C-alpha cells in the first residue's frame, strides 16, 4: 500500500512461463503513468524472472523494494528496462515491489 496509491488501477499481469512459486500483480496511475509491480516468491529458493511491459506501459527504469527474512522494504539498485523488459532475481520467501521512474 506504500506504493499503490488511491486512484491507481490494477492492470493485467501474467507469469509466463508459469512458475508455481511466483505471483505477480501490476498497477498503474492514470494521471502520471507510474507503474507498480508486486512480485511474490513464496518458494525457498531464488528465482530469476523476466518482466515485460506491453502497449503503452513503457518506462526506462524500475526501482525494486524487497521485503524478506533479512530485509524490510529495502531499496535495491535501479534496474534498466530495455526494449520493454527487465530481468530480476527474486529472493526466497520475499515480496518485491518494482516502481517505475
Protein backbone atom coordinates (compact mmCIF):
# COMPACT_ATOMS: atom_id res chain seq x y z
CA UNK A 1 0.00 0.00 0.00
CA UNK A 2 3.00 2.30 0.36
CA UNK A 3 3.47 2.41 -3.41
CA UNK A 4 -0.06 1.71 -4.69
CA UNK A 5 -1.91 4.93 -4.01
CA UNK A 6 -5.58 5.89 -4.31
CA UNK A 7 -6.53 6.23 -7.96
CA UNK A 8 -4.16 3.53 -9.19
CA UNK A 9 -5.87 0.71 -11.04
CA UNK A 10 -4.90 -2.91 -11.49
CA UNK A 11 -3.70 -3.95 -14.92
CA UNK A 12 -3.48 -7.42 -16.39
CA UNK A 13 -0.35 -9.36 -15.47
CA UNK A 14 0.74 -12.93 -16.10
CA UNK A 15 3.65 -15.13 -15.14
CA UNK A 16 4.97 -16.84 -18.26
CA UNK A 17 6.22 -19.43 -18.32
CA UNK A 18 4.17 -20.45 -15.31
CA UNK A 19 6.24 -20.51 -12.11
CA UNK A 20 4.30 -22.15 -9.30
CA UNK A 21 6.02 -20.17 -6.54
CA UNK A 22 5.74 -16.71 -8.15
CA UNK A 23 2.69 -14.44 -8.13
CA UNK A 24 2.63 -11.04 -9.82
CA UNK A 25 0.17 -8.14 -9.81
CA UNK A 26 0.59 -4.79 -11.54
CA UNK A 27 -0.93 -1.35 -11.08
CA UNK A 28 -0.91 1.93 -12.99
CA UNK A 29 -1.54 5.55 -12.04
CA UNK A 30 -3.66 7.08 -14.83
CA UNK A 31 -2.50 10.63 -14.09
CA UNK A 32 1.27 10.07 -14.05
CA UNK A 33 1.54 6.70 -15.91
CA UNK A 34 3.64 5.41 -12.97
CA UNK A 35 3.69 1.61 -12.89
CA UNK A 36 3.97 -0.58 -9.78
CA UNK A 37 4.61 -4.33 -9.98
CA UNK A 38 4.34 -6.55 -6.91
CA UNK A 39 6.11 -9.93 -7.21
CA UNK A 40 5.86 -12.59 -4.51
CA UNK A 41 8.27 -15.52 -4.39
CA UNK A 42 6.79 -18.00 -1.92
CA UNK A 43 9.47 -20.58 -2.69
CA UNK A 44 12.54 -21.41 -0.65
CA UNK A 45 15.00 -20.63 -3.47
CA UNK A 46 15.71 -17.52 -5.50
CA UNK A 47 14.03 -17.28 -8.89
CA UNK A 48 15.19 -15.25 -11.87
CA UNK A 49 12.24 -13.72 -13.67
CA UNK A 50 11.80 -11.57 -16.77
CA UNK A 51 9.23 -8.78 -16.52
CA UNK A 52 7.79 -7.42 -19.77
CA UNK A 53 5.71 -4.32 -20.41
CA UNK A 54 3.17 -4.21 -23.20
CA UNK A 55 1.47 -1.43 -25.13
CA UNK A 56 1.63 1.99 -23.51
CA UNK A 57 3.26 0.75 -20.31
CA UNK A 58 6.78 1.79 -21.18
CA UNK A 59 9.40 3.04 -18.77
CA UNK A 60 13.19 3.25 -18.87
CA UNK A 61 14.00 2.37 -15.25
CA UNK A 62 12.50 0.48 -12.34
CA UNK A 63 13.43 0.65 -8.65
CA UNK A 64 12.97 -2.55 -6.60
CA UNK A 65 11.99 -2.61 -2.91
CA UNK A 66 12.35 -6.01 -1.23
CA UNK A 67 10.92 -7.42 1.98
CA UNK A 68 12.30 -10.82 3.03
CA UNK A 69 13.68 -12.58 6.10
CA UNK A 70 16.62 -10.17 6.15
CA UNK A 71 15.17 -7.03 4.51
CA UNK A 72 12.36 -4.65 5.40
CA UNK A 73 11.25 -2.75 2.27
CA UNK A 74 14.90 -2.27 1.34
CA UNK A 75 15.51 -0.26 -1.82
CA UNK A 76 17.67 -2.00 -4.40
CA UNK A 77 19.69 -0.62 -7.27
CA UNK A 78 17.88 0.93 -10.20
CA UNK A 79 17.18 -1.59 -12.98
CA UNK A 80 17.25 -0.60 -16.65
CA UNK A 81 14.25 -1.52 -18.78
CA UNK A 82 15.46 -2.43 -22.26
CA UNK A 83 13.03 -2.97 -25.13
CA UNK A 84 10.15 -3.07 -22.68
CA UNK A 85 11.54 -5.73 -20.34
CA UNK A 86 13.90 -6.30 -17.43
CA UNK A 87 15.32 -9.32 -15.61
CA UNK A 88 15.41 -9.59 -11.83
CA UNK A 89 16.22 -12.33 -9.33
CA UNK A 90 13.55 -12.63 -6.64
CA UNK A 91 14.87 -13.61 -3.21
CA UNK A 92 13.43 -16.70 -1.48
CA UNK A 93 10.27 -16.09 0.57
CA UNK A 94 10.09 -12.44 -0.46
CA UNK A 95 7.88 -9.67 -1.75
CA UNK A 96 9.50 -7.30 -4.23
CA UNK A 97 7.75 -4.14 -5.36
CA UNK A 98 9.02 -2.51 -8.55
CA UNK A 99 8.24 1.18 -9.02
CA UNK A 100 8.73 2.95 -12.36
CA UNK A 101 10.59 6.23 -12.51
